[in-house]
N, C-alpha and C. Protein backbone atom coordinates (compact mmCIF):
# COMPACT_ATOMS: atom_id res chain seq x y z
N MET A 1 134.48 96.36 100.70
CA MET A 1 134.15 94.98 100.43
C MET A 1 132.68 94.73 100.75
N GLU A 2 131.97 94.20 99.80
CA GLU A 2 130.55 93.92 99.96
C GLU A 2 130.34 92.72 100.88
N LYS A 3 129.45 92.89 101.86
CA LYS A 3 129.16 91.81 102.81
C LYS A 3 127.67 91.54 102.83
N ILE A 4 127.33 90.31 103.13
CA ILE A 4 125.92 89.91 103.25
C ILE A 4 125.40 90.33 104.62
N VAL A 5 124.26 91.02 104.62
CA VAL A 5 123.65 91.51 105.85
C VAL A 5 122.58 90.54 106.32
N GLY A 6 121.80 90.00 105.39
CA GLY A 6 120.72 89.08 105.73
C GLY A 6 119.96 88.66 104.50
N SER A 7 118.90 87.89 104.70
CA SER A 7 118.12 87.43 103.56
C SER A 7 116.66 87.23 103.95
N LEU A 8 115.82 87.28 102.94
CA LEU A 8 114.41 86.90 103.04
C LEU A 8 114.21 85.77 102.04
N VAL A 9 113.74 84.64 102.50
CA VAL A 9 113.56 83.51 101.60
C VAL A 9 112.08 83.29 101.31
N GLY A 10 111.82 82.91 100.07
CA GLY A 10 110.47 82.53 99.68
C GLY A 10 109.48 83.66 99.54
N VAL A 11 109.91 84.79 98.95
CA VAL A 11 108.96 85.87 98.67
C VAL A 11 108.46 85.72 97.25
N SER A 12 107.20 85.97 97.04
CA SER A 12 106.66 85.83 95.68
C SER A 12 106.77 87.16 94.94
N TYR A 13 106.84 87.03 93.63
CA TYR A 13 107.04 88.19 92.77
C TYR A 13 106.19 87.98 91.53
N HIS A 14 105.30 88.86 91.23
CA HIS A 14 104.37 88.82 90.11
C HIS A 14 103.24 87.82 90.32
N SER A 15 103.53 86.60 90.72
CA SER A 15 102.47 85.62 90.95
C SER A 15 102.87 84.71 92.10
N PHE A 16 101.91 83.99 92.65
CA PHE A 16 102.18 83.17 93.82
C PHE A 16 103.15 82.03 93.54
N ASP A 17 103.25 81.58 92.28
CA ASP A 17 104.12 80.44 91.98
C ASP A 17 105.47 80.85 91.40
N THR A 18 105.79 82.13 91.43
CA THR A 18 107.12 82.61 91.09
C THR A 18 107.74 83.11 92.40
N VAL A 19 108.73 82.38 92.88
CA VAL A 19 109.29 82.64 94.20
C VAL A 19 110.76 83.02 94.09
N PHE A 20 111.12 84.07 94.81
CA PHE A 20 112.49 84.56 94.85
C PHE A 20 113.01 84.50 96.28
N ASP A 21 114.32 84.43 96.40
CA ASP A 21 114.99 84.69 97.67
C ASP A 21 115.67 86.04 97.50
N LEU A 22 115.62 86.87 98.54
CA LEU A 22 116.25 88.19 98.50
C LEU A 22 117.47 88.16 99.41
N LEU A 23 118.58 88.57 98.87
CA LEU A 23 119.83 88.63 99.61
C LEU A 23 120.19 90.10 99.79
N PHE A 24 120.21 90.56 101.03
CA PHE A 24 120.55 91.95 101.35
C PHE A 24 122.04 92.02 101.65
N THR A 25 122.74 92.87 100.91
CA THR A 25 124.17 93.07 101.16
C THR A 25 124.37 94.51 101.62
N THR A 26 125.60 94.90 101.78
CA THR A 26 125.89 96.27 102.19
C THR A 26 125.69 97.27 101.04
N GLU A 27 125.57 96.79 99.78
CA GLU A 27 125.44 97.68 98.63
C GLU A 27 124.16 97.52 97.82
N ARG A 28 123.49 96.36 97.93
CA ARG A 28 122.36 96.08 97.05
C ARG A 28 121.50 94.94 97.59
N VAL A 29 120.32 94.82 96.99
CA VAL A 29 119.45 93.67 97.22
C VAL A 29 119.55 92.83 95.95
N VAL A 30 119.80 91.54 96.11
CA VAL A 30 119.86 90.64 94.97
C VAL A 30 118.65 89.71 95.06
N ALA A 31 117.86 89.68 94.00
CA ALA A 31 116.70 88.79 93.92
C ALA A 31 117.04 87.65 92.97
N PHE A 32 117.02 86.44 93.48
CA PHE A 32 117.29 85.31 92.60
C PHE A 32 116.15 84.31 92.69
N ILE A 33 115.79 83.81 91.51
CA ILE A 33 114.62 82.96 91.38
C ILE A 33 114.90 81.58 91.97
N ILE A 34 113.93 81.11 92.73
CA ILE A 34 114.03 79.81 93.38
C ILE A 34 112.98 78.85 92.84
N GLN A 35 111.82 79.36 92.52
CA GLN A 35 110.73 78.51 92.02
C GLN A 35 109.98 79.27 90.95
N ARG A 36 109.69 78.60 89.86
CA ARG A 36 108.93 79.22 88.77
C ARG A 36 107.88 78.22 88.27
N PRO A 37 106.88 78.70 87.58
CA PRO A 37 105.82 77.79 87.11
C PRO A 37 106.33 76.65 86.23
N ALA A 38 107.39 76.88 85.50
CA ALA A 38 107.91 75.85 84.59
C ALA A 38 108.68 74.75 85.30
N ASP A 39 108.84 74.83 86.61
CA ASP A 39 109.58 73.80 87.33
C ASP A 39 108.89 72.44 87.25
N ILE A 40 107.59 72.42 87.19
CA ILE A 40 106.83 71.17 87.05
C ILE A 40 106.05 71.27 85.74
N PRO A 41 106.71 70.97 84.62
CA PRO A 41 106.07 71.18 83.32
C PRO A 41 105.06 70.10 82.93
N TYR A 42 104.98 69.04 83.66
CA TYR A 42 104.11 67.93 83.30
C TYR A 42 103.23 67.59 84.50
N PRO A 43 102.05 67.06 84.25
CA PRO A 43 101.23 66.66 85.38
C PRO A 43 101.85 65.45 86.08
N LEU A 44 101.90 65.50 87.39
CA LEU A 44 102.53 64.42 88.15
C LEU A 44 101.63 63.21 88.30
N THR A 45 100.36 63.40 88.08
CA THR A 45 99.44 62.28 88.25
C THR A 45 98.70 62.03 86.95
N SER A 46 98.33 60.80 86.78
CA SER A 46 97.52 60.47 85.62
C SER A 46 96.06 60.81 85.93
N ARG A 47 95.26 60.77 84.92
CA ARG A 47 93.84 61.05 85.08
C ARG A 47 93.21 60.04 86.04
N TRP A 48 93.65 58.78 85.98
CA TRP A 48 93.08 57.74 86.83
C TRP A 48 93.45 57.96 88.29
N GLU A 49 94.69 58.38 88.54
CA GLU A 49 95.08 58.69 89.92
C GLU A 49 94.24 59.83 90.44
N TRP A 50 94.01 60.83 89.60
CA TRP A 50 93.19 61.98 89.99
C TRP A 50 91.78 61.53 90.35
N ILE A 51 91.22 60.65 89.55
CA ILE A 51 89.86 60.20 89.78
C ILE A 51 89.76 59.35 91.05
N PHE A 52 90.66 58.38 91.20
CA PHE A 52 90.56 57.43 92.31
C PHE A 52 91.16 57.93 93.62
N LEU A 53 92.21 58.72 93.55
CA LEU A 53 92.86 59.19 94.77
C LEU A 53 92.47 60.62 95.12
N GLY A 54 92.00 61.36 94.15
CA GLY A 54 91.50 62.69 94.42
C GLY A 54 92.49 63.80 94.16
N GLY A 55 91.95 64.99 94.02
CA GLY A 55 92.76 66.17 93.71
C GLY A 55 93.68 66.57 94.84
N MET A 56 93.30 66.32 96.08
CA MET A 56 94.16 66.68 97.22
C MET A 56 95.47 65.89 97.17
N TRP A 57 95.38 64.63 96.82
CA TRP A 57 96.58 63.79 96.70
C TRP A 57 97.50 64.35 95.61
N ALA A 58 96.93 64.68 94.47
CA ALA A 58 97.72 65.20 93.36
C ALA A 58 98.36 66.54 93.73
N LYS A 59 97.61 67.41 94.39
CA LYS A 59 98.12 68.72 94.79
C LYS A 59 99.25 68.58 95.80
N ARG A 60 99.08 67.68 96.76
CA ARG A 60 100.12 67.47 97.77
C ARG A 60 101.39 66.91 97.14
N ARG A 61 101.22 66.00 96.21
CA ARG A 61 102.36 65.42 95.53
C ARG A 61 103.13 66.49 94.74
N GLU A 62 102.39 67.38 94.09
CA GLU A 62 103.02 68.48 93.35
C GLU A 62 103.76 69.41 94.31
N GLN A 63 103.18 69.72 95.46
CA GLN A 63 103.84 70.58 96.45
C GLN A 63 105.14 69.96 96.93
N LEU A 64 105.14 68.66 97.17
CA LEU A 64 106.36 67.98 97.61
C LEU A 64 107.43 68.02 96.54
N GLU A 65 107.04 67.85 95.29
CA GLU A 65 107.99 67.89 94.19
C GLU A 65 108.59 69.30 94.03
N ARG A 66 107.75 70.32 94.16
CA ARG A 66 108.24 71.70 94.09
C ARG A 66 109.19 72.01 95.24
N ALA A 67 108.85 71.54 96.44
CA ALA A 67 109.71 71.77 97.61
C ALA A 67 111.07 71.10 97.41
N LYS A 68 111.08 69.92 96.85
CA LYS A 68 112.34 69.21 96.60
C LYS A 68 113.19 69.97 95.58
N THR A 69 112.56 70.45 94.51
CA THR A 69 113.27 71.22 93.49
C THR A 69 113.83 72.51 94.09
N THR A 70 113.04 73.19 94.90
CA THR A 70 113.46 74.43 95.54
C THR A 70 114.66 74.19 96.46
N GLN A 71 114.60 73.13 97.24
CA GLN A 71 115.70 72.80 98.16
C GLN A 71 116.98 72.50 97.41
N LEU A 72 116.89 71.75 96.32
CA LEU A 72 118.06 71.45 95.50
C LEU A 72 118.65 72.72 94.90
N ARG A 73 117.78 73.61 94.43
CA ARG A 73 118.24 74.86 93.84
C ARG A 73 118.94 75.73 94.88
N ARG A 74 118.38 75.84 96.06
CA ARG A 74 119.02 76.63 97.12
C ARG A 74 120.38 76.06 97.49
N ARG A 75 120.47 74.75 97.57
CA ARG A 75 121.74 74.12 97.91
C ARG A 75 122.80 74.40 96.85
N SER A 76 122.40 74.37 95.58
CA SER A 76 123.37 74.61 94.50
C SER A 76 123.82 76.07 94.45
N LEU A 77 123.01 76.98 94.97
CA LEU A 77 123.35 78.41 94.93
C LEU A 77 124.27 78.84 96.08
N GLN A 78 124.43 78.02 97.08
CA GLN A 78 125.21 78.40 98.25
C GLN A 78 126.68 78.63 97.94
N GLU A 79 127.21 77.95 96.93
CA GLU A 79 128.63 78.11 96.60
C GLU A 79 128.90 79.28 95.66
N LYS A 80 127.88 79.95 95.18
CA LYS A 80 128.03 81.02 94.20
C LYS A 80 128.35 82.35 94.87
N THR A 81 129.08 83.20 94.14
CA THR A 81 129.31 84.55 94.61
C THR A 81 128.06 85.39 94.30
N ILE A 82 128.01 86.59 94.84
CA ILE A 82 126.85 87.45 94.63
C ILE A 82 126.70 87.81 93.15
N ASP A 83 127.79 88.14 92.49
CA ASP A 83 127.72 88.47 91.06
C ASP A 83 127.31 87.26 90.23
N GLU A 84 127.74 86.07 90.60
CA GLU A 84 127.34 84.85 89.89
C GLU A 84 125.85 84.60 90.05
N LEU A 85 125.30 84.91 91.22
CA LEU A 85 123.87 84.74 91.44
C LEU A 85 123.06 85.63 90.50
N VAL A 86 123.50 86.86 90.34
CA VAL A 86 122.78 87.81 89.47
C VAL A 86 122.82 87.33 88.02
N ALA A 87 123.97 86.83 87.58
CA ALA A 87 124.15 86.44 86.18
C ALA A 87 123.64 85.02 85.88
N MET A 88 123.29 84.27 86.89
CA MET A 88 122.97 82.86 86.70
C MET A 88 121.68 82.61 85.91
N HIS A 89 120.69 83.44 86.06
CA HIS A 89 119.39 83.24 85.41
C HIS A 89 118.89 84.58 84.90
N PRO A 90 118.23 84.61 83.75
CA PRO A 90 117.73 85.89 83.22
C PRO A 90 116.71 86.59 84.12
N SER A 91 116.03 85.86 84.99
CA SER A 91 115.06 86.47 85.89
C SER A 91 115.69 87.07 87.14
N ASN A 92 116.93 86.71 87.43
CA ASN A 92 117.61 87.28 88.60
C ASN A 92 117.95 88.74 88.35
N PHE A 93 117.88 89.56 89.39
CA PHE A 93 118.21 90.96 89.23
C PHE A 93 118.69 91.53 90.55
N GLU A 94 119.24 92.73 90.47
CA GLU A 94 119.71 93.43 91.65
C GLU A 94 119.06 94.79 91.73
N ILE A 95 118.98 95.30 92.94
CA ILE A 95 118.50 96.65 93.19
C ILE A 95 119.58 97.35 94.00
N ARG A 96 120.27 98.26 93.39
CA ARG A 96 121.34 99.01 94.08
C ARG A 96 120.70 100.01 95.04
N TYR A 97 121.22 100.09 96.23
CA TYR A 97 120.68 101.03 97.21
C TYR A 97 120.79 102.46 96.73
N SER A 98 121.82 102.76 95.97
CA SER A 98 121.98 104.13 95.47
C SER A 98 120.87 104.51 94.49
N ALA A 99 120.22 103.53 93.88
CA ALA A 99 119.14 103.80 92.93
C ALA A 99 117.77 103.83 93.58
N VAL A 100 117.67 103.39 94.81
CA VAL A 100 116.38 103.34 95.50
C VAL A 100 116.00 104.74 95.98
N THR A 101 114.80 105.17 95.61
CA THR A 101 114.31 106.47 96.09
C THR A 101 113.47 106.33 97.35
N SER A 102 112.77 105.21 97.47
CA SER A 102 111.96 104.96 98.67
C SER A 102 111.74 103.45 98.81
N VAL A 103 111.45 103.06 100.03
CA VAL A 103 111.13 101.66 100.31
C VAL A 103 110.10 101.64 101.43
N GLU A 104 109.16 100.71 101.33
CA GLU A 104 108.16 100.60 102.38
C GLU A 104 107.58 99.20 102.41
N ILE A 105 106.99 98.88 103.54
CA ILE A 105 106.24 97.64 103.68
C ILE A 105 104.78 98.03 103.77
N LYS A 106 104.02 97.60 102.79
CA LYS A 106 102.58 97.88 102.77
C LYS A 106 101.85 96.67 103.33
N ARG A 107 101.07 96.91 104.35
CA ARG A 107 100.31 95.82 104.95
C ARG A 107 98.89 95.86 104.40
N GLY A 108 98.46 94.74 103.87
CA GLY A 108 97.11 94.63 103.34
C GLY A 108 96.31 93.62 104.12
N LEU A 109 95.07 93.53 103.79
CA LEU A 109 94.18 92.61 104.47
C LEU A 109 94.57 91.16 104.17
N PHE A 110 94.90 90.89 102.91
CA PHE A 110 95.21 89.52 102.52
C PHE A 110 96.70 89.26 102.34
N GLN A 111 97.47 90.27 102.03
CA GLN A 111 98.91 90.09 101.87
C GLN A 111 99.64 91.40 102.12
N SER A 112 100.90 91.28 102.43
CA SER A 112 101.75 92.46 102.63
C SER A 112 102.77 92.49 101.51
N GLN A 113 103.28 93.69 101.24
CA GLN A 113 104.24 93.85 100.15
C GLN A 113 105.45 94.66 100.60
N LEU A 114 106.60 94.26 100.10
CA LEU A 114 107.82 95.02 100.22
C LEU A 114 107.98 95.77 98.91
N VAL A 115 107.95 97.11 98.97
CA VAL A 115 107.89 97.94 97.77
C VAL A 115 109.14 98.81 97.68
N PHE A 116 109.88 98.65 96.58
CA PHE A 116 111.05 99.48 96.30
C PHE A 116 110.68 100.46 95.20
N GLY A 117 110.96 101.73 95.42
CA GLY A 117 110.78 102.75 94.38
C GLY A 117 112.14 103.14 93.84
N ALA A 118 112.26 103.13 92.53
CA ALA A 118 113.53 103.50 91.89
C ALA A 118 113.23 104.19 90.58
N PRO A 119 114.06 105.15 90.17
CA PRO A 119 113.82 105.81 88.88
C PRO A 119 114.20 104.90 87.71
N LYS A 120 113.41 105.00 86.65
CA LYS A 120 113.76 104.32 85.40
C LYS A 120 114.77 105.21 84.66
N PRO A 121 115.32 104.72 83.57
CA PRO A 121 116.27 105.58 82.84
C PRO A 121 115.68 106.93 82.41
N SER A 122 114.39 106.97 82.13
CA SER A 122 113.79 108.27 81.80
C SER A 122 113.31 108.92 83.10
N THR A 123 112.37 109.81 83.01
CA THR A 123 111.90 110.53 84.20
C THR A 123 110.79 109.79 84.95
N THR A 124 110.33 108.65 84.44
CA THR A 124 109.28 107.91 85.13
C THR A 124 109.87 107.09 86.27
N ARG A 125 108.99 106.57 87.10
CA ARG A 125 109.44 105.77 88.24
C ARG A 125 109.15 104.29 88.01
N GLN A 126 109.98 103.47 88.58
CA GLN A 126 109.79 102.03 88.54
C GLN A 126 109.50 101.57 89.96
N ILE A 127 108.50 100.71 90.11
CA ILE A 127 108.16 100.19 91.42
C ILE A 127 108.31 98.67 91.37
N ILE A 128 109.05 98.13 92.32
CA ILE A 128 109.28 96.69 92.40
C ILE A 128 108.62 96.20 93.68
N ARG A 129 107.70 95.24 93.53
CA ARG A 129 106.94 94.73 94.67
C ARG A 129 107.19 93.24 94.88
N PHE A 130 107.44 92.89 96.13
CA PHE A 130 107.54 91.49 96.53
C PHE A 130 106.46 91.23 97.56
N ASN A 131 105.77 90.12 97.44
CA ASN A 131 104.73 89.76 98.40
C ASN A 131 105.37 89.04 99.59
N LEU A 132 104.99 89.45 100.78
CA LEU A 132 105.54 88.89 102.02
C LEU A 132 104.47 88.16 102.80
N SER A 133 104.88 87.13 103.51
CA SER A 133 103.97 86.49 104.46
C SER A 133 104.04 87.28 105.77
N LYS A 134 103.10 87.06 106.65
CA LYS A 134 103.10 87.78 107.93
C LYS A 134 104.34 87.48 108.75
N ASN A 135 104.88 86.29 108.62
CA ASN A 135 106.08 85.91 109.38
C ASN A 135 107.32 86.63 108.87
N GLN A 136 107.31 87.09 107.63
CA GLN A 136 108.48 87.74 107.05
C GLN A 136 108.55 89.24 107.34
N ILE A 137 107.47 89.84 107.78
CA ILE A 137 107.42 91.28 107.99
C ILE A 137 108.45 91.77 109.00
N PRO A 138 108.58 91.15 110.19
CA PRO A 138 109.60 91.65 111.14
C PRO A 138 111.03 91.56 110.58
N ASP A 139 111.35 90.47 109.88
CA ASP A 139 112.67 90.34 109.28
C ASP A 139 112.90 91.41 108.22
N ALA A 140 111.88 91.66 107.40
CA ALA A 140 111.99 92.67 106.35
C ALA A 140 112.21 94.06 106.97
N GLN A 141 111.46 94.38 108.02
CA GLN A 141 111.63 95.68 108.68
C GLN A 141 113.03 95.82 109.27
N ARG A 142 113.53 94.78 109.90
CA ARG A 142 114.88 94.82 110.49
C ARG A 142 115.94 95.03 109.41
N LEU A 143 115.82 94.29 108.29
CA LEU A 143 116.80 94.43 107.21
C LEU A 143 116.74 95.82 106.57
N LEU A 144 115.55 96.34 106.37
CA LEU A 144 115.43 97.68 105.80
C LEU A 144 116.03 98.74 106.72
N GLU A 145 115.84 98.59 108.02
CA GLU A 145 116.43 99.55 108.96
C GLU A 145 117.95 99.46 108.97
N LEU A 146 118.49 98.30 108.68
CA LEU A 146 119.94 98.14 108.63
C LEU A 146 120.56 98.75 107.38
N VAL A 147 119.91 98.57 106.22
CA VAL A 147 120.54 98.96 104.96
C VAL A 147 119.93 100.17 104.27
N LEU A 148 118.68 100.48 104.53
CA LEU A 148 118.01 101.59 103.84
C LEU A 148 117.21 102.47 104.81
N ALA A 149 117.73 102.68 105.98
CA ALA A 149 116.98 103.42 107.01
C ALA A 149 116.55 104.81 106.54
N SER A 150 117.39 105.51 105.79
CA SER A 150 117.07 106.86 105.38
C SER A 150 116.03 106.91 104.25
N LYS A 151 115.75 105.79 103.63
CA LYS A 151 114.81 105.78 102.50
C LYS A 151 113.49 105.08 102.82
N ILE A 152 113.29 104.71 104.09
CA ILE A 152 112.04 104.07 104.47
C ILE A 152 110.94 105.10 104.45
N LYS A 153 109.90 104.78 103.74
CA LYS A 153 108.76 105.68 103.59
C LYS A 153 107.80 105.46 104.77
N GLU A 154 107.55 106.50 105.51
CA GLU A 154 106.66 106.42 106.67
C GLU A 154 105.24 106.67 106.20
N LYS A 155 104.29 106.05 106.87
CA LYS A 155 102.88 106.22 106.52
C LYS A 155 102.29 107.41 107.20
């Protein structure tokens, strides 16, 4: 029986405004989209608000709207099963532990990455990278040691 081991919330994938939550189970990692660029398809402020109140006001208002959308989406996903999460959106995907050849946390000057190595259907390799904040690194290391200890790539 597949059980949930832990999760990493709010990791970016491909770009800073595409955000996923990662759910670590006993068999796989499930990545489900929480925030995407299309969530706010229209400008929240008019040109006059921008001119008189400034760009900081408009940016803050957009951040609050995105946070509200993200919170609503997370709440709606809590009742779903793991398989329903994968099938719910075309951007959601899973990484089976049996398919992972290596995993590592790369620490960079400006950002850190959680990197999964897995073979593609042919002989080439596929690399999946998630960007982590500094606060997420200890949680990511703990989860990897729990579920993929034998595949952690040492530096």
